[in-house]
Amino acid sequence: MKQNVDFCDFERAFREYDRFDNFGHDGLKALFEYLEGYEEDCGEEIELDVIALCCDYSQYDSAADAAEELISGWEREEGEADDDFEARALAELQDNTQVIEYDGGVIVQAF
């Protein structure tokens, strides 16, 4: 038996598991909208498993921060501007995994 949840239920579940800080309000909203879109595209319901989602997705302030942490040897090229570094990091991450962009950061699926 599956239960439909709206964003308030989704956010409440993360608070109840003491995992709200993994994403914060804006990050959870972006993740929720991504998962809803995924369900619609695939025609398959996703079970709400807070712990699994926290293991599968991580939030970062920027794609550059994510790339520096997740990609071995990733670093800024000499003289590379911040915007170029961010764009290059985002492209590299998108080539390797699912990236959810939102105002305030990115959420990256584990790879």
PDB file of N, CA and C in Angstrom:
ATOM      1  N   MET A   1       0.851  -1.168   0.000  1.00  0.00           N
ATOM      2  CA  MET A   1       0.000   0.000   0.000  1.00  0.00           C
ATOM      3  C   MET A   1       0.899   1.234   0.000  1.00  0.00           C
ATOM      4  N   LYS A   2       0.634   2.140  -0.909  1.00  0.00           N
ATOM      5  CA  LYS A   2       1.404   3.369  -0.991  1.00  0.00           C
ATOM      6  C   LYS A   2       0.532   4.533  -0.579  1.00  0.00           C
ATOM      7  N   GLN A   3       1.180   5.546  -0.045  1.00  0.00           N
ATOM      8  CA  GLN A   3       0.478   6.743   0.394  1.00  0.00           C
ATOM      9  C   GLN A   3       0.980   7.933  -0.410  1.00  0.00           C
ATOM     10  N   ASN A   4       0.068   8.731  -0.909  1.00  0.00           N
ATOM     11  CA  ASN A   4       0.455   9.953  -1.597  1.00  0.00           C
ATOM     12  C   ASN A   4       0.862  10.996  -0.569  1.00  0.00           C
ATOM     13  N   VAL A   5       1.923  11.732  -0.869  1.00  0.00           N
ATOM     14  CA  VAL A   5       2.363  12.793   0.031  1.00  0.00           C
ATOM     15  C   VAL A   5       2.489  14.094  -0.750  1.00  0.00           C
ATOM     16  N   ASP A   6       2.187  15.176  -0.088  1.00  0.00           N
ATOM     17  CA  ASP A   6       2.434  16.482  -0.678  1.00  0.00           C
ATOM     18  C   ASP A   6       3.745  17.006  -0.081  1.00  0.00           C
ATOM     19  N   PHE A   7       4.133  18.207  -0.462  1.00  0.00           N
ATOM     20  CA  PHE A   7       5.412  18.727   0.012  1.00  0.00           C
ATOM     21  C   PHE A   7       5.450  18.857   1.530  1.00  0.00           C
ATOM     22  N   CYS A   8       4.353  19.255   2.143  1.00  0.00           N
ATOM     23  CA  CYS A   8       4.330  19.393   3.611  1.00  0.00           C
ATOM     24  C   CYS A   8       4.612  18.049   4.294  1.00  0.00           C
ATOM     25  N   ASP A   9       4.013  16.976   3.776  1.00  0.00           N
ATOM     26  CA  ASP A   9       4.264  15.632   4.311  1.00  0.00           C
ATOM     27  C   ASP A   9       5.725  15.240   4.098  1.00  0.00           C
ATOM     28  N   PHE A  10       6.244  15.552   2.931  1.00  0.00           N
ATOM     29  CA  PHE A  10       7.633  15.238   2.586  1.00  0.00           C
ATOM     30  C   PHE A  10       8.585  15.944   3.552  1.00  0.00           C
ATOM     31  N   GLU A  11       8.374  17.237   3.729  1.00  0.00           N
ATOM     32  CA  GLU A  11       9.223  18.013   4.634  1.00  0.00           C
ATOM     33  C   GLU A  11       9.083  17.514   6.078  1.00  0.00           C
ATOM     34  N   ARG A  12       7.866  17.216   6.490  1.00  0.00           N
ATOM     35  CA  ARG A  12       7.622  16.717   7.845  1.00  0.00           C
ATOM     36  C   ARG A  12       8.371  15.403   8.089  1.00  0.00           C
ATOM     37  N   ALA A  13       8.393  14.534   7.101  1.00  0.00           N
ATOM     38  CA  ALA A  13       9.090  13.253   7.241  1.00  0.00           C
ATOM     39  C   ALA A  13      10.582  13.482   7.492  1.00  0.00           C
ATOM     40  N   PHE A  14      11.184  14.434   6.789  1.00  0.00           N
ATOM     41  CA  PHE A  14      12.600  14.734   7.006  1.00  0.00           C
ATOM     42  C   PHE A  14      12.833  15.314   8.397  1.00  0.00           C
ATOM     43  N   ARG A  15      11.904  16.136   8.873  1.00  0.00           N
ATOM     44  CA  ARG A  15      12.028  16.679  10.235  1.00  0.00           C
ATOM     45  C   ARG A  15      11.906  15.563  11.276  1.00  0.00           C
ATOM     46  N   GLU A  16      10.960  14.653  11.064  1.00  0.00           N
ATOM     47  CA  GLU A  16      10.744  13.562  12.016  1.00  0.00           C
ATOM     48  C   GLU A  16      11.962  12.644  12.110  1.00  0.00           C
ATOM     49  N   TYR A  17      12.679  12.477  11.023  1.00  0.00           N
ATOM     50  CA  TYR A  17      13.892  11.658  11.009  1.00  0.00           C
ATOM     51  C   TYR A  17      15.134  12.484  11.370  1.00  0.00           C
ATOM     52  N   ASP A  18      14.927  13.737  11.746  1.00  0.00           N
ATOM     53  CA  ASP A  18      16.015  14.649  12.093  1.00  0.00           C
ATOM     54  C   ASP A  18      17.013  14.777  10.943  1.00  0.00           C
ATOM     55  N   ARG A  19      16.483  14.863   9.718  1.00  0.00           N
ATOM     56  CA  ARG A  19      17.307  14.970   8.513  1.00  0.00           C
ATOM     57  C   ARG A  19      16.996  16.231   7.706  1.00  0.00           C
ATOM     58  N   PHE A  20      16.235  17.141   8.293  1.00  0.00           N
ATOM     59  CA  PHE A  20      15.864  18.363   7.589  1.00  0.00           C
ATOM     60  C   PHE A  20      17.099  19.149   7.154  1.00  0.00           C
ATOM     61  N   ASP A  21      18.112  19.186   7.992  1.00  0.00           N
ATOM     62  CA  ASP A  21      19.314  19.965   7.692  1.00  0.00           C
ATOM     63  C   ASP A  21      20.138  19.388   6.543  1.00  0.00           C
ATOM     64  N   ASN A  22      19.855  18.170   6.108  1.00  0.00           N
ATOM     65  CA  ASN A  22      20.572  17.613   4.959  1.00  0.00           C
ATOM     66  C   ASN A  22      20.317  18.437   3.700  1.00  0.00           C
ATOM     67  N   PHE A  23      19.143  19.068   3.619  1.00  0.00           N
ATOM     68  CA  PHE A  23      18.771  19.813   2.423  1.00  0.00           C
ATOM     69  C   PHE A  23      18.207  21.198   2.718  1.00  0.00           C
ATOM     70  N   GLY A  24      17.588  21.399   3.855  1.00  0.00           N
ATOM     71  CA  GLY A  24      16.901  22.660   4.128  1.00  0.00           C
ATOM     72  C   GLY A  24      15.621  22.762   3.318  1.00  0.00           C
ATOM     73  N   HIS A  25      14.858  23.801   3.568  1.00  0.00           N
ATOM     74  CA  HIS A  25      13.550  23.953   2.922  1.00  0.00           C
ATOM     75  C   HIS A  25      13.668  24.021   1.401  1.00  0.00           C
ATOM     76  N   ASP A  26      14.531  24.893   0.891  1.00  0.00           N
ATOM     77  CA  ASP A  26      14.640  25.064  -0.566  1.00  0.00           C
ATOM     78  C   ASP A  26      15.171  23.811  -1.252  1.00  0.00           C
ATOM     79  N   GLY A  27      16.140  23.164  -0.630  1.00  0.00           N
ATOM     80  CA  GLY A  27      16.679  21.935  -1.197  1.00  0.00           C
ATOM     81  C   GLY A  27      15.645  20.818  -1.214  1.00  0.00           C
ATOM     82  N   LEU A  28      14.885  20.698  -0.124  1.00  0.00           N
ATOM     83  CA  LEU A  28      13.829  19.685  -0.087  1.00  0.00           C
ATOM     84  C   LEU A  28      12.762  19.958  -1.139  1.00  0.00           C
ATOM     85  N   LYS A  29      12.440  21.220  -1.336  1.00  0.00           N
ATOM     86  CA  LYS A  29      11.444  21.575  -2.356  1.00  0.00           C
ATOM     87  C   LYS A  29      11.941  21.158  -3.739  1.00  0.00           C
ATOM     88  N   ALA A  30      13.218  21.432  -4.018  1.00  0.00           N
ATOM     89  CA  ALA A  30      13.792  21.047  -5.312  1.00  0.00           C
ATOM     90  C   ALA A  30      13.813  19.533  -5.479  1.00  0.00           C
ATOM     91  N   LEU A  31      14.188  18.804  -4.424  1.00  0.00           N
ATOM     92  CA  LEU A  31      14.217  17.344  -4.481  1.00  0.00           C
ATOM     93  C   LEU A  31      12.814  16.785  -4.665  1.00  0.00           C
ATOM     94  N   PHE A  32      11.860  17.315  -3.938  1.00  0.00           N
ATOM     95  CA  PHE A  32      10.470  16.871  -4.051  1.00  0.00           C
ATOM     96  C   PHE A  32       9.952  17.066  -5.476  1.00  0.00           C
ATOM     97  N   GLU A  33      10.186  18.249  -6.046  1.00  0.00           N
ATOM     98  CA  GLU A  33       9.725  18.523  -7.405  1.00  0.00           C
ATOM     99  C   GLU A  33      10.417  17.616  -8.421  1.00  0.00           C
ATOM    100  N   TYR A  34      11.698  17.352  -8.220  1.00  0.00           N
ATOM    101  CA  TYR A  34      12.407  16.432  -9.109  1.00  0.00           C
ATOM    102  C   TYR A  34      11.784  15.034  -9.027  1.00  0.00           C
ATOM    103  N   LEU A  35      11.538  14.554  -7.810  1.00  0.00           N
ATOM    104  CA  LEU A  35      10.983  13.212  -7.636  1.00  0.00           C
ATOM    105  C   LEU A  35       9.575  13.109  -8.204  1.00  0.00           C
ATOM    106  N   GLU A  36       8.778  14.153  -8.043  1.00  0.00           N
ATOM    107  CA  GLU A  36       7.434  14.164  -8.643  1.00  0.00           C
ATOM    108  C   GLU A  36       7.531  14.084 -10.163  1.00  0.00           C
ATOM    109  N   GLY A  37       8.437  14.845 -10.742  1.00  0.00           N
ATOM    110  CA  GLY A  37       8.629  14.807 -12.190  1.00  0.00           C
ATOM    111  C   GLY A  37       9.094  13.447 -12.660  1.00  0.00           C
ATOM    112  N   TYR A  38       9.981  12.837 -11.888  1.00  0.00           N
ATOM    113  CA  TYR A  38      10.473  11.495 -12.214  1.00  0.00           C
ATOM    114  C   TYR A  38       9.322  10.493 -12.222  1.00  0.00           C
ATOM    115  N   GLU A  39       8.458  10.581 -11.207  1.00  0.00           N
ATOM    116  CA  GLU A  39       7.307   9.683 -11.151  1.00  0.00           C
ATOM    117  C   GLU A  39       6.407   9.858 -12.378  1.00  0.00           C
ATOM    118  N   GLU A  40       6.159  11.095 -12.746  1.00  0.00           N
ATOM    119  CA  GLU A  40       5.304  11.372 -13.903  1.00  0.00           C
ATOM    120  C   GLU A  40       5.942  10.852 -15.189  1.00  0.00           C
ATOM    121  N   ASP A  41       7.239  11.072 -15.344  1.00  0.00           N
ATOM    122  CA  ASP A  41       7.936  10.642 -16.559  1.00  0.00           C
ATOM    123  C   ASP A  41       7.993   9.124 -16.693  1.00  0.00           C
ATOM    124  N   CYS A  42       8.192   8.440 -15.564  1.00  0.00           N
ATOM    125  CA  CYS A  42       8.366   6.986 -15.586  1.00  0.00           C
ATOM    126  C   CYS A  42       7.068   6.230 -15.367  1.00  0.00           C
ATOM    127  N   GLY A  43       6.059   6.918 -14.836  1.00  0.00           N
ATOM    128  CA  GLY A  43       4.813   6.235 -14.521  1.00  0.00           C
ATOM    129  C   GLY A  43       4.957   5.271 -13.365  1.00  0.00           C
ATOM    130  N   GLU A  44       5.936   5.497 -12.529  1.00  0.00           N
ATOM    131  CA  GLU A  44       6.216   4.613 -11.402  1.00  0.00           C
ATOM    132  C   GLU A  44       6.253   5.421 -10.111  1.00  0.00           C
ATOM    133  N   GLU A  45       5.549   4.942  -9.085  1.00  0.00           N
ATOM    134  CA  GLU A  45       5.543   5.638  -7.807  1.00  0.00           C
ATOM    135  C   GLU A  45       6.831   5.358  -7.042  1.00  0.00           C
ATOM    136  N   ILE A  46       7.303   6.362  -6.334  1.00  0.00           N
ATOM    137  CA  ILE A  46       8.498   6.229  -5.501  1.00  0.00           C
ATOM    138  C   ILE A  46       8.064   6.152  -4.050  1.00  0.00           C
ATOM    139  N   GLU A  47       8.647   5.241  -3.329  1.00  0.00           N
ATOM    140  CA  GLU A  47       8.366   5.131  -1.904  1.00  0.00           C
ATOM    141  C   GLU A  47       9.179   6.183  -1.156  1.00  0.00           C
ATOM    142  N   LEU A  48       8.544   6.873  -0.231  1.00  0.00           N
ATOM    143  CA  LEU A  48       9.243   7.877   0.570  1.00  0.00           C
ATOM    144  C   LEU A  48      10.082   7.168   1.623  1.00  0.00           C
ATOM    145  N   ASP A  49      11.383   7.182   1.417  1.00  0.00           N
ATOM    146  CA  ASP A  49      12.340   6.593   2.340  1.00  0.00           C
ATOM    147  C   ASP A  49      13.394   7.663   2.621  1.00  0.00           C
ATOM    148  N   VAL A  50      13.207   8.375   3.712  1.00  0.00           N
ATOM    149  CA  VAL A  50      14.059   9.518   4.042  1.00  0.00           C
ATOM    150  C   VAL A  50      15.525   9.126   4.112  1.00  0.00           C
ATOM    151  N   ILE A  51      15.831   8.029   4.770  1.00  0.00           N
ATOM    152  CA  ILE A  51      17.223   7.603   4.924  1.00  0.00           C
ATOM    153  C   ILE A  51      17.842   7.273   3.566  1.00  0.00           C
ATOM    154  N   ALA A  52      17.114   6.576   2.725  1.00  0.00           N
ATOM    155  CA  ALA A  52      17.628   6.243   1.388  1.00  0.00           C
ATOM    156  C   ALA A  52      17.865   7.502   0.566  1.00  0.00           C
ATOM    157  N   LEU A  53      16.949   8.452   0.643  1.00  0.00           N
ATOM    158  CA  LEU A  53      17.132   9.699  -0.105  1.00  0.00           C
ATOM    159  C   LEU A  53      18.363  10.462   0.402  1.00  0.00           C
ATOM    160  N   CYS A  54      18.588  10.443   1.705  1.00  0.00           N
ATOM    161  CA  CYS A  54      19.772  11.114   2.258  1.00  0.00           C
ATOM    162  C   CYS A  54      21.059  10.401   1.852  1.00  0.00           C
ATOM    163  N   CYS A  55      20.984   9.109   1.619  1.00  0.00           N
ATOM    164  CA  CYS A  55      22.159   8.357   1.151  1.00  0.00           C
ATOM    165  C   CYS A  55      22.379   8.566  -0.348  1.00  0.00           C
ATOM    166  N   ASP A  56      21.291   8.725  -1.086  1.00  0.00           N
ATOM    167  CA  ASP A  56      21.370   8.816  -2.547  1.00  0.00           C
ATOM    168  C   ASP A  56      21.626  10.226  -3.064  1.00  0.00           C
ATOM    169  N   TYR A  57      21.282  11.246  -2.292  1.00  0.00           N
ATOM    170  CA  TYR A  57      21.406  12.628  -2.748  1.00  0.00           C
ATOM    171  C   TYR A  57      22.118  13.469  -1.692  1.00  0.00           C
ATOM    172  N   SER A  58      22.934  14.400  -2.155  1.00  0.00           N
ATOM    173  CA  SER A  58      23.629  15.335  -1.273  1.00  0.00           C
ATOM    174  C   SER A  58      23.469  16.741  -1.807  1.00  0.00           C
ATOM    175  N   GLN A  59      23.348  17.687  -0.899  1.00  0.00           N
ATOM    176  CA  GLN A  59      23.176  19.089  -1.261  1.00  0.00           C
ATOM    177  C   GLN A  59      24.500  19.821  -1.098  1.00  0.00           C
ATOM    178  N   TYR A  60      24.781  20.701  -2.054  1.00  0.00           N
ATOM    179  CA  TYR A  60      25.990  21.523  -2.031  1.00  0.00           C
ATOM    180  C   TYR A  60      25.615  22.962  -2.354  1.00  0.00           C
ATOM    181  N   ASP A  61      26.427  23.886  -1.885  1.00  0.00           N
ATOM    182  CA  ASP A  61      26.186  25.301  -2.172  1.00  0.00           C
ATOM    183  C   ASP A  61      26.399  25.627  -3.641  1.00  0.00           C
ATOM    184  N   SER A  62      27.229  24.849  -4.327  1.00  0.00           N
ATOM    185  CA  SER A  62      27.507  25.090  -5.743  1.00  0.00           C
ATOM    186  C   SER A  62      27.970  23.798  -6.402  1.00  0.00           C
ATOM    187  N   ALA A  63      27.926  23.782  -7.721  1.00  0.00           N
ATOM    188  CA  ALA A  63      28.446  22.636  -8.465  1.00  0.00           C
ATOM    189  C   ALA A  63      29.948  22.515  -8.268  1.00  0.00           C
ATOM    190  N   ALA A  64      30.640  23.655  -8.150  1.00  0.00           N
ATOM    191  CA  ALA A  64      32.087  23.636  -7.923  1.00  0.00           C
ATOM    192  C   ALA A  64      32.411  22.943  -6.602  1.00  0.00           C
ATOM    193  N   ASP A  65      31.640  23.236  -5.549  1.00  0.00           N
ATOM    194  CA  ASP A  65      31.853  22.570  -4.259  1.00  0.00           C
ATOM    195  C   ASP A  65      31.634  21.066  -4.380  1.00  0.00           C
ATOM    196  N   ALA A  66      30.583  20.684  -5.095  1.00  0.00           N
ATOM    197  CA  ALA A  66      30.284  19.264  -5.277  1.00  0.00           C
ATOM    198  C   ALA A  66      31.401  18.572  -6.048  1.00  0.00           C
ATOM    199  N   ALA A  67      31.843  19.183  -7.129  1.00  0.00           N
ATOM    200  CA  ALA A  67      32.900  18.584  -7.957  1.00  0.00           C
ATOM    201  C   ALA A  67      34.191  18.435  -7.161  1.00  0.00           C
ATOM    202  N   GLU A  68      34.531  19.450  -6.378  1.00  0.00           N
ATOM    203  CA  GLU A  68      35.758  19.381  -5.579  1.00  0.00           C
ATOM    204  C   GLU A  68      35.705  18.236  -4.573  1.00  0.00           C
ATOM    205  N   GLU A  69      34.521  17.960  -4.051  1.00  0.00           N
ATOM    206  CA  GLU A  69      34.379  16.876  -3.074  1.00  0.00           C
ATOM    207  C   GLU A  69      34.233  15.507  -3.726  1.00  0.00           C
ATOM    208  N   LEU A  70      33.564  15.433  -4.867  1.00  0.00           N
ATOM    209  CA  LEU A  70      33.196  14.142  -5.436  1.00  0.00           C
ATOM    210  C   LEU A  70      34.104  13.616  -6.538  1.00  0.00           C
ATOM    211  N   ILE A  71      34.794  14.501  -7.231  1.00  0.00           N
ATOM    212  CA  ILE A  71      35.590  14.078  -8.380  1.00  0.00           C
ATOM    213  C   ILE A  71      37.069  14.159  -8.031  1.00  0.00           C
ATOM    214  N   SER A  72      37.698  13.016  -8.023  1.00  0.00           N
ATOM    215  CA  SER A  72      39.114  12.939  -7.666  1.00  0.00           C
ATOM    216  C   SER A  72      39.958  13.816  -8.591  1.00  0.00           C
ATOM    217  N   GLY A  73      40.793  14.655  -8.000  1.00  0.00           N
ATOM    218  CA  GLY A  73      41.693  15.502  -8.756  1.00  0.00           C
ATOM    219  C   GLY A  73      41.050  16.745  -9.347  1.00  0.00           C
ATOM    220  N   TRP A  74      39.777  16.984  -9.045  1.00  0.00           N
ATOM    221  CA  TRP A  74      39.086  18.149  -9.601  1.00  0.00           C
ATOM    222  C   TRP A  74      39.632  19.425  -8.966  1.00  0.00           C
ATOM    223  N   GLU A  75      39.998  20.360  -9.798  1.00  0.00           N
ATOM    224  CA  GLU A  75      40.459  21.642  -9.280  1.00  0.00           C
ATOM    225  C   GLU A  75      40.301  22.728 -10.329  1.00  0.00           C
ATOM    226  N   ARG A  76      40.390  23.929  -9.869  1.00  0.00           N
ATOM    227  CA  ARG A  76      40.276  25.098 -10.738  1.00  0.00           C
ATOM    228  C   ARG A  76      41.500  25.185 -11.641  1.00  0.00           C
ATOM    229  N   GLU A  77      41.260  25.496 -12.912  1.00  0.00           N
ATOM    230  CA  GLU A  77      42.368  25.699 -13.839  1.00  0.00           C
ATOM    231  C   GLU A  77      42.973  27.075 -13.578  1.00  0.00           C
ATOM    232  N   GLU A  78      44.231  27.213 -13.842  1.00  0.00           N
ATOM    233  CA  GLU A  78      44.921  28.472 -13.589  1.00  0.00           C
ATOM    234  C   GLU A  78      44.228  29.616 -14.326  1.00  0.00           C
ATOM    235  N   GLY A  79      43.890  30.664 -13.591  1.00  0.00           N
ATOM    236  CA  GLY A  79      43.255  31.840 -14.165  1.00  0.00           C
ATOM    237  C   GLY A  79      41.785  31.678 -14.496  1.00  0.00           C
ATOM    238  N   GLU A  80      41.187  30.557 -14.141  1.00  0.00           N
ATOM    239  CA  GLU A  80      39.782  30.295 -14.479  1.00  0.00           C
ATOM    240  C   GLU A  80      38.858  31.163 -13.623  1.00  0.00           C
ATOM    241  N   ALA A  81      37.949  31.875 -14.265  1.00  0.00           N
ATOM    242  CA  ALA A  81      36.976  32.719 -13.573  1.00  0.00           C
ATOM    243  C   ALA A  81      35.977  31.856 -12.808  1.00  0.00           C
ATOM    244  N   ASP A  82      35.391  32.437 -11.765  1.00  0.00           N
ATOM    245  CA  ASP A  82      34.419  31.707 -10.941  1.00  0.00           C
ATOM    246  C   ASP A  82      33.267  31.149 -11.763  1.00  0.00           C
ATOM    247  N   ASP A  83      32.693  31.959 -12.647  1.00  0.00           N
ATOM    248  CA  ASP A  83      31.557  31.504 -13.457  1.00  0.00           C
ATOM    249  C   ASP A  83      31.949  30.358 -14.386  1.00  0.00           C
ATOM    250  N   ASP A  84      33.137  30.428 -14.948  1.00  0.00           N
ATOM    251  CA  ASP A  84      33.612  29.362 -15.837  1.00  0.00           C
ATOM    252  C   ASP A  84      33.870  28.078 -15.057  1.00  0.00           C
ATOM    253  N   PHE A  85      34.424  28.219 -13.866  1.00  0.00           N
ATOM    254  CA  PHE A  85      34.696  27.063 -13.009  1.00  0.00           C
ATOM    255  C   PHE A  85      33.382  26.386 -12.610  1.00  0.00           C
ATOM    256  N   GLU A  86      32.390  27.190 -12.268  1.00  0.00           N
ATOM    257  CA  GLU A  86      31.075  26.659 -11.891  1.00  0.00           C
ATOM    258  C   GLU A  86      30.434  25.945 -13.076  1.00  0.00           C
ATOM    259  N   ALA A  87      30.479  26.554 -14.259  1.00  0.00           N
ATOM    260  CA  ALA A  87      29.874  25.953 -15.453  1.00  0.00           C
ATOM    261  C   ALA A  87      30.575  24.647 -15.823  1.00  0.00           C
ATOM    262  N   ARG A  88      31.876  24.627 -15.723  1.00  0.00           N
ATOM    263  CA  ARG A  88      32.637  23.415 -16.044  1.00  0.00           C
ATOM    264  C   ARG A  88      32.327  22.310 -15.038  1.00  0.00           C
ATOM    265  N   ALA A  89      32.225  22.676 -13.769  1.00  0.00           N
ATOM    266  CA  ALA A  89      31.892  21.698 -12.726  1.00  0.00           C
ATOM    267  C   ALA A  89      30.490  21.134 -12.951  1.00  0.00           C
ATOM    268  N   LEU A  90      29.538  22.007 -13.258  1.00  0.00           N
ATOM    269  CA  LEU A  90      28.164  21.569 -13.498  1.00  0.00           C
ATOM    270  C   LEU A  90      28.099  20.607 -14.678  1.00  0.00           C
ATOM    271  N   ALA A  91      28.778  20.940 -15.762  1.00  0.00           N
ATOM    272  CA  ALA A  91      28.781  20.073 -16.947  1.00  0.00           C
ATOM    273  C   ALA A  91      29.395  18.714 -16.626  1.00  0.00           C
ATOM    274  N   GLU A  92      30.479  18.701 -15.882  1.00  0.00           N
ATOM    275  CA  GLU A  92      31.136  17.436 -15.515  1.00  0.00           C
ATOM    276  C   GLU A  92      30.226  16.585 -14.638  1.00  0.00           C
ATOM    277  N   LEU A  93      29.581  17.207 -13.672  1.00  0.00           N
ATOM    278  CA  LEU A  93      28.659  16.464 -12.809  1.00  0.00           C
ATOM    279  C   LEU A  93      27.490  15.906 -13.615  1.00  0.00           C
ATOM    280  N   GLN A  94      26.925  16.714 -14.504  1.00  0.00           N
ATOM    281  CA  GLN A  94      25.789  16.275 -15.316  1.00  0.00           C
ATOM    282  C   GLN A  94      26.168  15.130 -16.244  1.00  0.00           C
ATOM    283  N   ASP A  95      27.426  15.051 -16.629  1.00  0.00           N
ATOM    284  CA  ASP A  95      27.894  13.938 -17.454  1.00  0.00           C
ATOM    285  C   ASP A  95      27.982  12.642 -16.661  1.00  0.00           C
ATOM    286  N   ASN A  96      28.034  12.747 -15.341  1.00  0.00           N
ATOM    287  CA  ASN A  96      28.258  11.577 -14.498  1.00  0.00           C
ATOM    288  C   ASN A  96      27.081  11.171 -13.624  1.00  0.00           C
ATOM    289  N   THR A  97      26.152  12.089 -13.396  1.00  0.00           N
ATOM    290  CA  THR A  97      25.060  11.787 -12.482  1.00  0.00           C
ATOM    291  C   THR A  97      23.919  12.776 -12.660  1.00  0.00           C
ATOM    292  N   GLN A  98      22.878  12.605 -11.870  1.00  0.00           N
ATOM    293  CA  GLN A  98      21.740  13.518 -11.877  1.00  0.00           C
ATOM    294  C   GLN A  98      22.065  14.724 -10.997  1.00  0.00           C
ATOM    295  N   VAL A  99      21.859  15.913 -11.532  1.00  0.00           N
ATOM    296  CA  VAL A  99      22.089  17.144 -10.783  1.00  0.00           C
ATOM    297  C   VAL A  99      20.792  17.947 -10.785  1.00  0.00           C
ATOM    298  N   ILE A 100      20.359  18.332  -9.603  1.00  0.00           N
ATOM    299  CA  ILE A 100      19.156  19.137  -9.450  1.00  0.00           C
ATOM    300  C   ILE A 100      19.615  20.542  -9.061  1.00  0.00           C
ATOM    301  N   GLU A 101      19.429  21.478  -9.966  1.00  0.00           N
ATOM    302  CA  GLU A 101      19.810  22.858  -9.689  1.00  0.00           C
ATOM    303  C   GLU A 101      18.622  23.597  -9.072  1.00  0.00           C
ATOM    304  N   TYR A 102      18.914  24.443  -8.112  1.00  0.00           N
ATOM    305  CA  TYR A 102      17.880  25.306  -7.531  1.00  0.00           C
ATOM    306  C   TYR A 102      18.550  26.564  -7.003  1.00  0.00           C
ATOM    307  N   ASP A 103      17.758  27.577  -6.740  1.00  0.00           N
ATOM    308  CA  ASP A 103      18.289  28.828  -6.233  1.00  0.00           C
ATOM    309  C   ASP A 103      18.852  28.576  -4.841  1.00  0.00           C
ATOM    310  N   GLY A 104      20.155  28.570  -4.727  1.00  0.00           N
ATOM    311  CA  GLY A 104      20.783  28.318  -3.435  1.00  0.00           C
ATOM    312  C   GLY A 104      21.746  27.145  -3.457  1.00  0.00           C
ATOM    313  N   GLY A 105      21.811  26.429  -4.575  1.00  0.00           N
ATOM    314  CA  GLY A 105      22.752  25.322  -4.630  1.00  0.00           C
ATOM    315  C   GLY A 105      22.377  24.266  -5.644  1.00  0.00           C
ATOM    316  N   VAL A 106      22.957  23.091  -5.426  1.00  0.00           N
ATOM    317  CA  VAL A 106      22.668  21.928  -6.257  1.00  0.00           C
ATOM    318  C   VAL A 106      22.505  20.713  -5.363  1.00  0.00           C
ATOM    319  N   ILE A 107      21.735  19.772  -5.852  1.00  0.00           N
ATOM    320  CA  ILE A 107      21.609  18.465  -5.202  1.00  0.00           C
ATOM    321  C   ILE A 107      22.143  17.463  -6.210  1.00  0.00           C
ATOM    322  N   VAL A 108      23.037  16.614  -5.747  1.00  0.00           N
ATOM    323  CA  VAL A 108      23.725  15.676  -6.625  1.00  0.00           C
ATOM    324  C   VAL A 108      23.421  14.251  -6.170  1.00  0.00           C
ATOM    325  N   GLN A 109      23.039  13.417  -7.125  1.00  0.00           N
ATOM    326  CA  GLN A 109      22.821  12.008  -6.831  1.00  0.00           C
ATOM    327  C   GLN A 109      24.155  11.318  -6.703  1.00  0.00           C
ATOM    328  N   ALA A 110      24.289  10.437  -5.731  1.00  0.00           N
ATOM    329  CA  ALA A 110      25.541   9.699  -5.515  1.00  0.00           C
ATOM    330  C   ALA A 110      25.929   8.928  -6.771  1.00  0.00           C
ATOM    331  N   PHE A 111      27.229   8.912  -7.054  1.00  0.00           N
ATOM    332  CA  PHE A 111      27.739   8.163  -8.194  1.00  0.00           C
ATOM    333  C   PHE A 111      29.064   7.564  -7.857  1.00  0.00           C
TER     334      PHE A 111
END
